[in-house]
C-alpha atoms as a PDB file:
ATOM      1  CA  MET A   1     206.310 103.528  58.706  1.00  0.00           C
ATOM      2  CA  HIS A   2     204.815 100.070  58.293  1.00  0.00           C
ATOM      3  CA  VAL A   3     203.175  99.091  61.572  1.00  0.00           C
ATOM      4  CA  THR A   4     202.789  95.547  62.878  1.00  0.00           C
ATOM      5  CA  ARG A   5     199.313  94.164  62.222  1.00  0.00           C
ATOM      6  CA  HIS A   6     197.676  91.095  63.722  1.00  0.00           C
ATOM      7  CA  ASN A   7     194.629  90.942  61.457  1.00  0.00           C
ATOM      8  CA  TRP A   8     196.109  89.899  58.125  1.00  0.00           C
ATOM      9  CA  THR A   9     193.835  87.843  55.878  1.00  0.00           C
ATOM     10  CA  ARG A  10     194.879  85.099  53.493  1.00  0.00           C
ATOM     11  CA  GLU A  11     193.657  87.197  50.550  1.00  0.00           C
ATOM     12  CA  GLU A  12     195.775  90.192  51.566  1.00  0.00           C
ATOM     13  CA  ILE A  13     198.895  88.092  52.038  1.00  0.00           C
ATOM     14  CA  LEU A  14     198.353  86.244  48.767  1.00  0.00           C
ATOM     15  CA  ALA A  15     198.049  89.590  46.963  1.00  0.00           C
ATOM     16  CA  ILE A  16     201.439  90.601  48.373  1.00  0.00           C
ATOM     17  CA  TYR A  17     203.008  87.241  47.476  1.00  0.00           C
ATOM     18  CA  ASN A  18     201.813  87.532  43.867  1.00  0.00           C
ATOM     19  CA  LYS A  19     202.974  91.125  43.261  1.00  0.00           C
ATOM     20  CA  PRO A  20     205.306  91.768  40.346  1.00  0.00           C
ATOM     21  CA  MET A  21     208.765  90.816  41.591  1.00  0.00           C
ATOM     22  CA  MET A  22     210.297  94.296  41.371  1.00  0.00           C
ATOM     23  CA  GLU A  23     207.423  95.850  43.328  1.00  0.00           C
ATOM     24  CA  LEU A  24     207.565  93.070  45.913  1.00  0.00           C
ATOM     25  CA  LEU A  25     211.330  93.445  46.397  1.00  0.00           C
ATOM     26  CA  PHE A  26     211.104  97.226  46.698  1.00  0.00           C
ATOM     27  CA  GLU A  27     208.325  97.090  49.289  1.00  0.00           C
ATOM     28  CA  ALA A  28     210.013  94.355  51.316  1.00  0.00           C
ATOM     29  CA  ALA A  29     213.385  96.139  51.269  1.00  0.00           C
ATOM     30  CA  THR A  30     211.694  99.372  52.362  1.00  0.00           C
ATOM     31  CA  VAL A  31     209.961  97.680  55.295  1.00  0.00           C
ATOM     32  CA  HIS A  32     213.207  95.941  56.218  1.00  0.00           C
ATOM     33  CA  ARG A  33     215.119  99.224  56.405  1.00  0.00           C
ATOM     34  CA  GLU A  34     212.418 100.827  58.542  1.00  0.00           C
ATOM     35  CA  HIS A  35     212.792  98.182  61.244  1.00  0.00           C
ATOM     36  CA  HIS A  36     216.278  96.701  60.889  1.00  0.00           C
ATOM     37  CA  ASP A  37     219.853  97.520  59.925  1.00  0.00           C
ATOM     38  CA  PRO A  38     220.058  96.030  56.389  1.00  0.00           C
ATOM     39  CA  ASN A  39     223.774  95.318  56.823  1.00  0.00           C
ATOM     40  CA  VAL A  40     223.439  93.169  59.943  1.00  0.00           C
ATOM     41  CA  VAL A  41     222.559  89.457  59.850  1.00  0.00           C
ATOM     42  CA  GLN A  42     222.103  87.261  62.904  1.00  0.00           C
ATOM     43  CA  VAL A  43     224.106  84.008  62.743  1.00  0.00           C
ATOM     44  CA  SER A  44     222.878  80.893  64.561  1.00  0.00           C
ATOM     45  CA  THR A  45     224.352  77.409  64.866  1.00  0.00           C
ATOM     46  CA  LEU A  46     222.013  74.416  65.045  1.00  0.00           C
ATOM     47  CA  LEU A  47     223.136  71.364  67.045  1.00  0.00           C
ATOM     48  CA  SER A  48     221.340  68.031  66.929  1.00  0.00           C
ATOM     49  CA  ILE A  49     221.811  66.988  70.544  1.00  0.00           C
ATOM     50  CA  LYS A  50     219.705  63.847  70.085  1.00  0.00           C
ATOM     51  CA  THR A  51     219.341  62.490  66.552  1.00  0.00           C
ATOM     52  CA  GLY A  52     216.865  59.999  65.077  1.00  0.00           C
ATOM     53  CA  GLY A  53     214.290  57.649  66.526  1.00  0.00           C
ATOM     54  CA  CYS A  54     211.451  60.182  66.579  1.00  0.00           C
ATOM     55  CA  PRO A  55     207.975  58.588  66.867  1.00  0.00           C
ATOM     56  CA  GLU A  56     206.305  61.241  64.696  1.00  0.00           C
ATOM     57  CA  ASP A  57     205.420  60.723  61.011  1.00  0.00           C
ATOM     58  CA  CYS A  58     206.371  64.167  59.607  1.00  0.00           C
ATOM     59  CA  GLY A  59     206.589  63.531  55.859  1.00  0.00           C
ATOM     60  CA  TYR A  60     209.713  65.654  55.374  1.00  0.00           C
ATOM     61  CA  CYS A  61     211.808  64.334  58.238  1.00  0.00           C
ATOM     62  CA  PRO A  62     214.616  61.754  58.019  1.00  0.00           C
ATOM     63  CA  GLN A  63     214.621  61.510  61.832  1.00  0.00           C
ATOM     64  CA  ALA A  64     211.258  59.709  61.928  1.00  0.00           C
ATOM     65  CA  ALA A  65     211.873  56.173  63.177  1.00  0.00           C
ATOM     66  CA  ARG A  66     209.254  54.730  60.818  1.00  0.00           C
ATOM     67  CA  TYR A  67     211.144  55.701  57.635  1.00  0.00           C
ATOM     68  CA  HIS A  68     214.390  54.161  56.359  1.00  0.00           C
ATOM     69  CA  THR A  69     216.772  57.000  55.510  1.00  0.00           C
ATOM     70  CA  ASN A  70     220.199  55.606  56.478  1.00  0.00           C
ATOM     71  CA  LEU A  71     220.358  58.225  59.202  1.00  0.00           C
ATOM     72  CA  GLU A  72     222.891  57.549  61.923  1.00  0.00           C
ATOM     73  CA  GLY A  73     221.148  58.297  65.200  1.00  0.00           C
ATOM     74  CA  ASN A  74     222.720  59.147  68.521  1.00  0.00           C
ATOM     75  CA  GLU A  75     221.677  59.345  72.133  1.00  0.00           C
ATOM     76  CA  LEU A  76     221.603  62.648  74.002  1.00  0.00           C
ATOM     77  CA  MET A  77     224.938  64.475  73.890  1.00  0.00           C
ATOM     78  CA  SER A  78     226.758  65.322  77.095  1.00  0.00           C
ATOM     79  CA  VAL A  79     226.902  68.845  78.525  1.00  0.00           C
ATOM     80  CA  SER A  80     230.666  68.958  77.887  1.00  0.00           C
ATOM     81  CA  GLN A  81     230.204  67.986  74.222  1.00  0.00           C
ATOM     82  CA  VAL A  82     227.605  70.703  73.738  1.00  0.00           C
ATOM     83  CA  LYS A  83     229.786  73.293  75.475  1.00  0.00           C
ATOM     84  CA  ALA A  84     232.735  72.479  73.198  1.00  0.00           C
ATOM     85  CA  MET A  85     230.542  72.814  70.091  1.00  0.00           C
ATOM     86  CA  ALA A  86     229.062  76.077  71.357  1.00  0.00           C
ATOM     87  CA  LEU A  87     232.531  77.552  71.909  1.00  0.00           C
ATOM     88  CA  ARG A  88     233.483  76.551  68.372  1.00  0.00           C
ATOM     89  CA  ALA A  89     230.311  78.166  67.016  1.00  0.00           C
ATOM     90  CA  LYS A  90     231.045  81.362  68.966  1.00  0.00           C
ATOM     91  CA  SER A  91     234.574  81.529  67.555  1.00  0.00           C
ATOM     92  CA  ASN A  92     233.066  81.255  64.062  1.00  0.00           C
ATOM     93  CA  GLY A  93     230.796  84.246  64.590  1.00  0.00           C
ATOM     94  CA  SER A  94     227.547  82.684  65.832  1.00  0.00           C
ATOM     95  CA  SER A  95     225.643  84.599  68.482  1.00  0.00           C
ATOM     96  CA  ARG A  96     223.040  81.870  69.069  1.00  0.00           C
ATOM     97  CA  VAL A  97     223.076  78.103  69.569  1.00  0.00           C
ATOM     98  CA  CYS A  98     219.862  76.206  68.832  1.00  0.00           C
ATOM     99  CA  MET A  99     219.714  72.698  70.271  1.00  0.00           C
ATOM    100  CA  GLY A 100     217.382  70.195  68.625  1.00  0.00           C
ATOM    101  CA  ALA A 101     216.275  66.853  70.033  1.00  0.00           C
ATOM    102  CA  ALA A 102     214.214  64.366  68.016  1.00  0.00           C
ATOM    103  CA  TRP A 103     211.440  64.092  70.597  1.00  0.00           C
ATOM    104  CA  ARG A 104     207.667  64.237  70.185  1.00  0.00           C
ATOM    105  CA  ASN A 105     207.428  66.152  73.439  1.00  0.00           C
ATOM    106  CA  VAL A 106     209.552  66.855  76.492  1.00  0.00           C
ATOM    107  CA  LYS A 107     209.315  64.347  79.343  1.00  0.00           C
ATOM    108  CA  ASP A 108     210.417  65.285  82.835  1.00  0.00           C
ATOM    109  CA  GLY A 109     213.414  63.269  83.977  1.00  0.00           C
ATOM    110  CA  THR A 110     217.163  62.917  83.675  1.00  0.00           C
ATOM    111  CA  GLU A 111     217.405  63.838  79.981  1.00  0.00           C
ATOM    112  CA  PHE A 112     215.422  67.059  80.389  1.00  0.00           C
ATOM    113  CA  ASP A 113     217.555  67.926  83.429  1.00  0.00           C
ATOM    114  CA  GLU A 114     220.621  67.494  81.193  1.00  0.00           C
ATOM    115  CA  VAL A 115     219.132  69.829  78.591  1.00  0.00           C
ATOM    116  CA  LEU A 116     218.468  72.429  81.292  1.00  0.00           C
ATOM    117  CA  GLU A 117     222.141  72.192  82.277  1.00  0.00           C
ATOM    118  CA  MET A 118     223.119  72.688  78.617  1.00  0.00           C
ATOM    119  CA  VAL A 119     220.987  75.844  78.538  1.00  0.00           C
ATOM    120  CA  ARG A 120     222.678  77.173  81.698  1.00  0.00           C
ATOM    121  CA  THR A 121     226.123  76.373  80.294  1.00  0.00           C
ATOM    122  CA  ILE A 122     225.610  78.124  76.943  1.00  0.00           C
ATOM    123  CA  ASN A 123     223.931  81.186  78.464  1.00  0.00           C
ATOM    124  CA  LYS A 124     227.009  81.610  80.676  1.00  0.00           C
ATOM    125  CA  LEU A 125     229.098  81.737  77.483  1.00  0.00           C
ATOM    126  CA  ASP A 126     227.183  84.947  76.650  1.00  0.00           C
ATOM    127  CA  MET A 127     225.405  83.321  73.728  1.00  0.00           C
ATOM    128  CA  GLU A 128     221.688  83.233  73.021  1.00  0.00           C
ATOM    129  CA  VAL A 129     220.275  79.748  73.606  1.00  0.00           C
ATOM    130  CA  CYS A 130     217.384  78.286  71.617  1.00  0.00           C
ATOM    131  CA  CYS A 131     215.832  74.831  71.971  1.00  0.00           C
ATOM    132  CA  THR A 132     213.547  72.799  69.738  1.00  0.00           C
ATOM    133  CA  LEU A 133     212.408  69.755  71.702  1.00  0.00           C
ATOM    134  CA  GLY A 134     208.846  69.145  70.550  1.00  0.00           C
ATOM    135  CA  MET A 135     205.759  69.992  72.575  1.00  0.00           C
ATOM    136  CA  ILE A 136     206.248  71.419  76.069  1.00  0.00           C
ATOM    137  CA  THR A 137     203.982  72.207  78.999  1.00  0.00           C
ATOM    138  CA  GLU A 138     203.786  75.541  80.810  1.00  0.00           C
ATOM    139  CA  ASN A 139     205.868  74.214  83.717  1.00  0.00           C
ATOM    140  CA  GLN A 140     208.553  72.894  81.369  1.00  0.00           C
ATOM    141  CA  ALA A 141     208.652  76.247  79.583  1.00  0.00           C
ATOM    142  CA  LYS A 142     209.138  77.982  82.944  1.00  0.00           C
ATOM    143  CA  ARG A 143     211.999  75.643  83.844  1.00  0.00           C
ATOM    144  CA  LEU A 144     213.705  76.383  80.523  1.00  0.00           C
ATOM    145  CA  ALA A 145     213.225  80.125  81.046  1.00  0.00           C
ATOM    146  CA  GLU A 146     214.682  79.900  84.539  1.00  0.00           C
ATOM    147  CA  ALA A 147     217.763  78.115  83.161  1.00  0.00           C
ATOM    148  CA  GLY A 148     218.397  81.044  80.806  1.00  0.00           C
ATOM    149  CA  LEU A 149     216.689  80.031  77.553  1.00  0.00           C
ATOM    150  CA  TYR A 150     216.474  82.898  75.064  1.00  0.00           C
ATOM    151  CA  ALA A 151     214.209  81.345  72.408  1.00  0.00           C
ATOM    152  CA  TYR A 152     212.069  78.268  71.823  1.00  0.00           C
ATOM    153  CA  ASN A 153     211.540  76.965  68.302  1.00  0.00           C
ATOM    154  CA  HIS A 154     208.335  75.187  67.350  1.00  0.00           C
ATOM    155  CA  ASN A 155     207.502  75.459  63.653  1.00  0.00           C
ATOM    156  CA  LEU A 156     203.939  75.415  62.337  1.00  0.00           C
ATOM    157  CA  ASP A 157     205.412  73.901  59.128  1.00  0.00           C
ATOM    158  CA  THR A 158     202.573  74.914  56.773  1.00  0.00           C
ATOM    159  CA  SER A 159     198.939  76.059  56.724  1.00  0.00           C
ATOM    160  CA  GLU A 160     196.464  74.359  59.034  1.00  0.00           C
ATOM    161  CA  GLU A 161     194.711  72.870  56.003  1.00  0.00           C
ATOM    162  CA  TYR A 162     197.800  71.429  54.285  1.00  0.00           C
ATOM    163  CA  TYR A 163     199.244  70.207  57.592  1.00  0.00           C
ATOM    164  CA  LYS A 164     196.904  67.211  57.294  1.00  0.00           C
ATOM    165  CA  GLU A 165     198.818  66.185  54.139  1.00  0.00           C
ATOM    166  CA  VAL A 166     202.162  66.135  55.959  1.00  0.00           C
ATOM    167  CA  ILE A 167     201.715  64.997  59.576  1.00  0.00           C
ATOM    168  CA  SER A 168     199.149  62.719  61.206  1.00  0.00           C
ATOM    169  CA  THR A 169     200.691  62.014  64.617  1.00  0.00           C
ATOM    170  CA  ARG A 170     200.000  65.377  66.245  1.00  0.00           C
ATOM    171  CA  GLY A 171     197.554  68.173  65.669  1.00  0.00           C
ATOM    172  CA  TYR A 172     198.110  71.761  64.542  1.00  0.00           C
ATOM    173  CA  GLU A 173     196.501  72.964  67.762  1.00  0.00           C
ATOM    174  CA  ASP A 174     199.274  71.260  69.765  1.00  0.00           C
ATOM    175  CA  ARG A 175     201.834  73.423  68.021  1.00  0.00           C
ATOM    176  CA  LEU A 176     199.854  76.554  68.847  1.00  0.00           C
ATOM    177  CA  LYS A 177     199.447  75.373  72.453  1.00  0.00           C
ATOM    178  CA  THR A 178     203.216  74.919  72.802  1.00  0.00           C
ATOM    179  CA  ILE A 179     203.780  78.477  71.535  1.00  0.00           C
ATOM    180  CA  GLU A 180     201.127  79.652  74.007  1.00  0.00           C
ATOM    181  CA  ASN A 181     202.980  77.899  76.850  1.00  0.00           C
ATOM    182  CA  VAL A 182     206.260  79.566  75.852  1.00  0.00           C
ATOM    183  CA  ARG A 183     204.505  82.958  75.829  1.00  0.00           C
ATOM    184  CA  LYS A 184     203.733  82.520  79.542  1.00  0.00           C
ATOM    185  CA  THR A 185     207.467  83.068  80.161  1.00  0.00           C
ATOM    186  CA  ASN A 186     210.047  85.648  79.051  1.00  0.00           C
ATOM    187  CA  VAL A 187     211.374  83.250  76.374  1.00  0.00           C
ATOM    188  CA  THR A 188     211.071  84.495  72.786  1.00  0.00           C
ATOM    189  CA  VAL A 189     209.292  82.462  70.107  1.00  0.00           C
ATOM    190  CA  CYS A 190     210.872  81.100  66.927  1.00  0.00           C
ATOM    191  CA  SER A 191     208.303  79.605  64.559  1.00  0.00           C
ATOM    192  CA  GLY A 192     208.162  79.268  60.796  1.00  0.00           C
ATOM    193  CA  GLY A 193     207.696  76.617  58.171  1.00  0.00           C
ATOM    194  CA  ILE A 194     208.750  74.758  55.064  1.00  0.00           C
ATOM    195  CA  ILE A 195     207.922  75.442  51.438  1.00  0.00           C
ATOM    196  CA  GLY A 196     208.174  72.892  48.650  1.00  0.00           C
ATOM    197  CA  MET A 197     206.175  70.085  50.272  1.00  0.00           C
ATOM    198  CA  GLY A 198     203.534  70.120  47.530  1.00  0.00           C
ATOM    199  CA  GLU A 199     201.532  72.991  49.006  1.00  0.00           C
ATOM    200  CA  ASN A 200     200.231  75.884  46.901  1.00  0.00           C
ATOM    201  CA  ALA A 201     200.616  79.637  47.297  1.00  0.00           C
ATOM    202  CA  GLU A 202     197.343  79.776  49.257  1.00  0.00           C
ATOM    203  CA  ASP A 203     198.839  77.396  51.822  1.00  0.00           C
ATOM    204  CA  ARG A 204     201.957  79.524  52.106  1.00  0.00           C
ATOM    205  CA  ALA A 205     199.757  82.549  52.738  1.00  0.00           C
ATOM    206  CA  GLY A 206     197.736  80.495  55.222  1.00  0.00           C
ATOM    207  CA  MET A 207     200.841  79.682  57.238  1.00  0.00           C
ATOM    208  CA  LEU A 208     201.744  83.379  57.359  1.00  0.00           C
ATOM    209  CA  VAL A 209     198.195  84.162  58.554  1.00  0.00           C
ATOM    210  CA  SER A 210     198.673  81.721  61.445  1.00  0.00           C
ATOM    211  CA  LEU A 211     202.023  83.276  62.384  1.00  0.00           C
ATOM    212  CA  SER A 212     201.195  86.943  61.825  1.00  0.00           C
ATOM    213  CA  THR A 213     197.933  86.849  63.777  1.00  0.00           C
ATOM    214  CA  LEU A 214     199.748  85.630  66.883  1.00  0.00           C
ATOM    215  CA  ASN A 215     200.069  88.499  69.346  1.00  0.00           C
ATOM    216  CA  PRO A 216     202.913  89.123  69.772  1.00  0.00           C
ATOM    217  CA  GLN A 217     204.235  87.791  66.484  1.00  0.00           C
ATOM    218  CA  PRO A 218     207.199  85.380  66.691  1.00  0.00           C
ATOM    219  CA  GLU A 219     210.498  87.157  67.226  1.00  0.00           C
ATOM    220  CA  SER A 220     212.065  84.804  64.691  1.00  0.00           C
ATOM    221  CA  VAL A 221     210.537  83.092  61.640  1.00  0.00           C
ATOM    222  CA  PRO A 222     212.624  80.450  59.830  1.00  0.00           C
ATOM    223  CA  ILE A 223     211.765  79.948  56.156  1.00  0.00           C
ATOM    224  CA  ASN A 224     212.913  76.497  55.039  1.00  0.00           C
ATOM    225  CA  ALA A 225     213.020  75.047  51.535  1.00  0.00           C
ATOM    226  CA  LEU A 226     212.322  71.322  51.615  1.00  0.00           C
ATOM    227  CA  VAL A 227     215.418  69.160  51.368  1.00  0.00           C
ATOM    228  CA  ALA A 228     213.933  65.977  49.900  1.00  0.00           C
ATOM    229  CA  VAL A 229     215.590  63.008  51.620  1.00  0.00           C
ATOM    230  CA  GLU A 230     215.459  59.520  50.136  1.00  0.00           C
ATOM    231  CA  GLY A 231     213.256  57.247  52.201  1.00  0.00           C
ATOM    232  CA  THR A 232     210.907  59.980  53.402  1.00  0.00           C
ATOM    233  CA  PRO A 233     207.384  60.339  51.971  1.00  0.00           C
ATOM    234  CA  LEU A 234     208.416  63.598  50.276  1.00  0.00           C
ATOM    235  CA  GLU A 235     211.540  62.178  48.622  1.00  0.00           C
ATOM    236  CA  ASP A 236     210.223  62.872  45.097  1.00  0.00           C
ATOM    237  CA  GLN A 237     209.329  66.534  45.573  1.00  0.00           C
ATOM    238  CA  LYS A 238     210.980  68.892  43.098  1.00  0.00           C
ATOM    239  CA  PRO A 239     213.361  71.489  44.574  1.00  0.00           C
ATOM    240  CA  VAL A 240     211.912  74.910  45.302  1.00  0.00           C
ATOM    241  CA  GLU A 241     212.940  77.563  42.783  1.00  0.00           C
ATOM    242  CA  ILE A 242     214.900  80.484  44.194  1.00  0.00           C
ATOM    243  CA  TRP A 243     212.143  82.871  43.070  1.00  0.00           C
ATOM    244  CA  GLU A 244     209.662  81.085  45.327  1.00  0.00           C
ATOM    245  CA  MET A 245     212.058  81.459  48.247  1.00  0.00           C
ATOM    246  CA  VAL A 246     212.581  85.159  47.512  1.00  0.00           C
ATOM    247  CA  ARG A 247     208.797  85.705  47.323  1.00  0.00           C
ATOM    248  CA  MET A 248     208.269  83.891  50.622  1.00  0.00           C
ATOM    249  CA  VAL A 249     211.006  85.845  52.402  1.00  0.00           C
ATOM    250  CA  ALA A 250     209.751  89.180  51.037  1.00  0.00           C
ATOM    251  CA  THR A 251     206.132  88.460  51.956  1.00  0.00           C
ATOM    252  CA  THR A 252     207.128  87.358  55.459  1.00  0.00           C
ATOM    253  CA  ARG A 253     209.124  90.559  55.902  1.00  0.00           C
ATOM    254  CA  ILE A 254     206.176  92.770  54.885  1.00  0.00           C
ATOM    255  CA  VAL A 255     203.648  90.906  57.022  1.00  0.00           C
ATOM    256  CA  MET A 256     205.932  90.637  60.074  1.00  0.00           C
ATOM    257  CA  PRO A 257     208.094  93.776  59.911  1.00  0.00           C
ATOM    258  CA  GLU A 258     209.810  93.467  63.308  1.00  0.00           C
ATOM    259  CA  THR A 259     210.521  89.741  63.117  1.00  0.00           C
ATOM    260  CA  GLN A 260     213.922  88.307  62.241  1.00  0.00           C
ATOM    261  CA  VAL A 261     213.380  86.272  59.082  1.00  0.00           C
ATOM    262  CA  ARG A 262     215.764  83.335  58.994  1.00  0.00           C
ATOM    263  CA  LEU A 263     217.038  81.764  55.794  1.00  0.00           C
ATOM    264  CA  SER A 264     217.150  78.131  56.893  1.00  0.00           C
ATOM    265  CA  ALA A 265     217.121  74.678  55.258  1.00  0.00           C
ATOM    266  CA  GLY A 266     217.796  74.550  51.535  1.00  0.00           C
ATOM    267  CA  ARG A 267     220.374  77.333  51.604  1.00  0.00           C
ATOM    268  CA  ALA A 268     223.108  74.886  50.542  1.00  0.00           C
ATOM    269  CA  ASP A 269     221.455  74.678  47.113  1.00  0.00           C
ATOM    270  CA  MET A 270     221.192  78.455  46.686  1.00  0.00           C
ATOM    271  CA  SER A 271     223.705  80.475  44.707  1.00  0.00           C
ATOM    272  CA  GLN A 272     225.357  83.450  46.363  1.00  0.00           C
ATOM    273  CA  GLU A 273     223.244  85.668  44.116  1.00  0.00           C
ATOM    274  CA  GLY A 274     220.081  83.893  45.289  1.00  0.00           C
ATOM    275  CA  GLN A 275     221.013  84.324  48.935  1.00  0.00           C
ATOM    276  CA  THR A 276     221.805  87.991  48.293  1.00  0.00           C
ATOM    277  CA  LEU A 277     218.328  88.532  46.854  1.00  0.00           C
ATOM    278  CA  CYS A 278     216.871  86.964  50.006  1.00  0.00           C
ATOM    279  CA  PHE A 279     218.928  89.302  52.210  1.00  0.00           C
ATOM    280  CA  PHE A 280     217.759  92.253  50.121  1.00  0.00           C
ATOM    281  CA  ALA A 281     214.156  91.047  50.489  1.00  0.00           C
ATOM    282  CA  GLY A 282     214.405  91.048  54.273  1.00  0.00           C
ATOM    283  CA  ALA A 283     216.122  87.881  55.473  1.00  0.00           C
ATOM    284  CA  ASN A 284     218.367  88.916  58.363  1.00  0.00           C
ATOM    285  CA  SER A 285     219.255  85.637  60.023  1.00  0.00           C
ATOM    286  CA  ILE A 286     220.927  82.423  58.878  1.00  0.00           C
ATOM    287  CA  PHE A 287     221.971  79.081  60.283  1.00  0.00           C
ATOM    288  CA  ALA A 288     225.728  78.530  59.970  1.00  0.00           C
ATOM    289  CA  GLY A 289     227.676  75.289  60.149  1.00  0.00           C
ATOM    290  CA  ASP A 290     227.976  72.243  57.913  1.00  0.00           C
ATOM    291  CA  LYS A 291     224.651  70.698  58.978  1.00  0.00           C
ATOM    292  CA  LEU A 292     221.100  71.700  59.906  1.00  0.00           C
ATOM    293  CA  LEU A 293     220.238  68.809  62.215  1.00  0.00           C
ATOM    294  CA  THR A 294     220.636  66.213  59.440  1.00  0.00           C
ATOM    295  CA  THR A 295     220.687  68.148  56.141  1.00  0.00           C
ATOM    296  CA  PRO A 296     223.653  69.889  54.432  1.00  0.00           C
ATOM    297  CA  ASN A 297     224.387  73.578  54.987  1.00  0.00           C
ATOM    298  CA  PRO A 298     226.973  75.966  53.497  1.00  0.00           C
ATOM    299  CA  ASP A 299     230.426  76.035  55.081  1.00  0.00           C
ATOM    300  CA  ILE A 300     230.872  78.845  57.640  1.00  0.00           C
ATOM    301  CA  ASN A 301     233.938  80.136  55.747  1.00  0.00           C
ATOM    302  CA  ASP A 302     231.865  80.475  52.577  1.00  0.00           C
ATOM    303  CA  ASP A 303     229.249  82.391  54.554  1.00  0.00           C
ATOM    304  CA  MET A 304     231.830  84.781  55.978  1.00  0.00           C
ATOM    305  CA  LYS A 305     233.291  85.355  52.495  1.00  0.00           C
ATOM    306  CA  LEU A 306     229.815  86.229  51.213  1.00  0.00           C
ATOM    307  CA  PHE A 307     229.257  88.547  54.191  1.00  0.00           C
ATOM    308  CA  LYS A 308     232.504  90.322  53.318  1.00  0.00           C
ATOM    309  CA  LYS A 309     231.499  90.707  49.656  1.00  0.00           C
ATOM    310  CA  LEU A 310     228.143  92.195  50.655  1.00  0.00           C
ATOM    311  CA  GLY A 311     229.435  94.325  53.532  1.00  0.00           C
ATOM    312  CA  LEU A 312     227.337  92.396  56.052  1.00  0.00           C
ATOM    313  CA  GLU A 313     228.147  92.091  59.743  1.00  0.00           C
ATOM    314  CA  ALA A 314     227.192  89.313  62.146  1.00  0.00           C
ATOM    315  CA  GLN A 315     224.735  90.508  64.781  1.00  0.00           C
ATOM    316  CA  LYS A 316     225.952  90.611  68.398  1.00  0.00           C
ATOM    317  CA  PRO A 317     224.003  88.572  70.965  1.00  0.00           C
ATOM    318  CA  PHE A 318     221.196  90.078  73.069  1.00  0.00           C
ATOM    319  CA  ILE A 319     220.647  93.072  70.771  1.00  0.00           C
ATOM    320  CA  LYS A 320     216.869  92.653  70.588  1.00  0.00           C
ATOM    321  CA  ILE A 321     216.199  91.448  74.160  1.00  0.00           C
ATOM    322  CA  MET A 322     218.568  91.503  77.116  1.00  0.00           C
ATOM    323  CA  GLN A 323     220.349  88.377  78.300  1.00  0.00           C
ATOM    324  CA  PRO A 324     218.274  86.131  80.584  1.00  0.00           C
ATOM    325  CA  THR A 325     219.515  85.393  84.087  1.00  0.00           C
ATOM    326  CA  THR A 326     220.520  81.808  84.776  1.00  0.00           C
ATOM    327  CA  VAL A 327     219.143  80.201  87.945  1.00  0.00           C
ATOM    328  CA  GLU A 328     221.129  77.161  89.080  1.00  0.00           C
ATOM    329  CA  ALA A 329     219.341  73.837  89.460  1.00  0.00           C
ATOM    330  CA  ALA A 330     219.775  73.914  93.257  1.00  0.00           C
ATOM    331  CA  ASP A 331     217.966  77.286  93.423  1.00  0.00           C
ATOM    332  CA  SER A 332     215.125  76.429  91.056  1.00  0.00           C
ATOM    333  CA  GLN A 333     211.615  77.525  91.984  1.00  0.00           C
ATOM    334  CA  TYR A 334     210.055  74.886  89.751  1.00  0.00           C
ATOM    335  CA  ASP A 335     209.944  71.150  90.377  1.00  0.00           C
ATOM    336  CA  ALA A 336     209.532  68.459  87.762  1.00  0.00           C
ATOM    337  CA  LEU A 337     205.845  67.597  87.867  1.00  0.00           C
ATOM    338  CA  GLY A 338     206.124  64.310  85.990  1.00  0.00           C
ATOM    339  CA  GLU A 339     203.352  65.523  83.728  1.00  0.00           C
ATOM    340  CA  LYS A 340     201.754  63.296  81.138  1.00  0.00           C
ATOM    341  CA  PRO A 341     199.843  65.767  78.962  1.00  0.00           C
ATOM    342  CA  ARG A 342     197.397  64.393  76.441  1.00  0.00           C
ATOM    343  CA  TRP A 343     198.807  65.800  73.249  1.00  0.00           C
ATOM    344  CA  SER A 344     196.475  64.983  70.393  1.00  0.00           C
ATOM    345  CA  ARG A 345     196.801  62.111  67.931  1.00  0.00           C
ATOM    346  CA  PRO A 346     194.562  62.987  64.973  1.00  0.00           C
ATOM    347  CA  GLY A 347     192.544  60.125  63.564  1.00  0.00           C
ATOM    348  CA  TYR A 348     193.354  60.580  59.882  1.00  0.00           C
ATOM    349  CA  THR A 349     196.050  58.752  57.889  1.00  0.00           C
ATOM    350  CA  ILE A 350     198.270  60.066  55.088  1.00  0.00           C
ATOM    351  CA  GLU A 351     198.681  57.600  52.239  1.00  0.00           C
ATOM    352  CA  ARG A 352     202.209  58.550  51.199  1.00  0.00           C
ATOM    353  CA  ASN A 353     203.389  58.464  54.832  1.00  0.00           C
ATOM    354  CA  GLU A 354     201.926  54.983  55.238  1.00  0.00           C
ATOM    355  CA  ALA A 355     203.518  53.845  51.975  1.00  0.00           C
ATOM    356  CA  ALA A 356     206.951  55.063  53.124  1.00  0.00           C
ATOM    357  CA  ARG A 357     206.486  53.270  56.452  1.00  0.00           C
ATOM    358  CA  VAL A 358     205.536  49.992  54.765  1.00  0.00           C
ATOM    359  CA  LYS A 359     208.465  50.319  52.357  1.00  0.00           C
ATOM    360  CA  ALA A 360     210.861  50.803  55.277  1.00  0.00           C
ATOM    361  CA  GLU A 361     209.576  47.655  56.951  1.00  0.00           C
END
């Protein structure tokens, strides 16, 4: 039995990543079967509840206000809109709804109160609820947990070293601090990254070091392939080859045996055979629906047809951890503190990000 370790080194992970493909696939599939049912895949639906206008400069993101990407933004959705979309997702086989808002960090106030109500509403539908809202404080994490949040997503994106080539408006340590704040509650952690941003294999291993040495490790790790969007600093990056994705999934599975490895952005460009290899290598979670926040995703009917071909079943909700209890707003133990945390703003600049900003102006 492969046991969960929290002391992986970059060299060890790189050695796994670079194994001959057949050896890598066999080892990853073996680990996967020791810890998971290989015929069960968790299906999540991602909703962009507030799109565009983000003040960050993430080089991959069309939602950054400083880049011109022809993205149609929207204000925060209503609770009723989100409920209707969640019910549709549930009818299509999703067990989890992940709500994303293009914020740098959560600010106490009316909009956050609305999000808390969305969490309560979806949890009462007997679905797992995940949020990705940017940086959050300990008190905000506790308020989300009290509302019935199942998971909080905050991706590390890449290695700490390569991060400085992608984002300059917030520090790597802020991402780790947000995960630390979530860990002070009963909410599970979802954190992964993106490959294909110009990083090398050492950086990919470095990201897995950062994730695997967390204790506990994230319950969910999304592996995204960059979707290069025109107008962003990374618009000219070449698409990731399927073999790179398979290697990344397999390595993640070996290094984090109990984690659910999610096949995320970039799946729309993968063949059914490519996706099947990823499932064999240990991916046991996908995002369903026609969009991942702002980028294309395979149609849910196509996913269900592939599941049928492969004999896969959609995972039921609350299999790993029992359903949280929802506390109504009137009974909350936590007040909004009106916090103004000093999240970092690193002093460096990234040339290609600046060039994209100037071009947009």
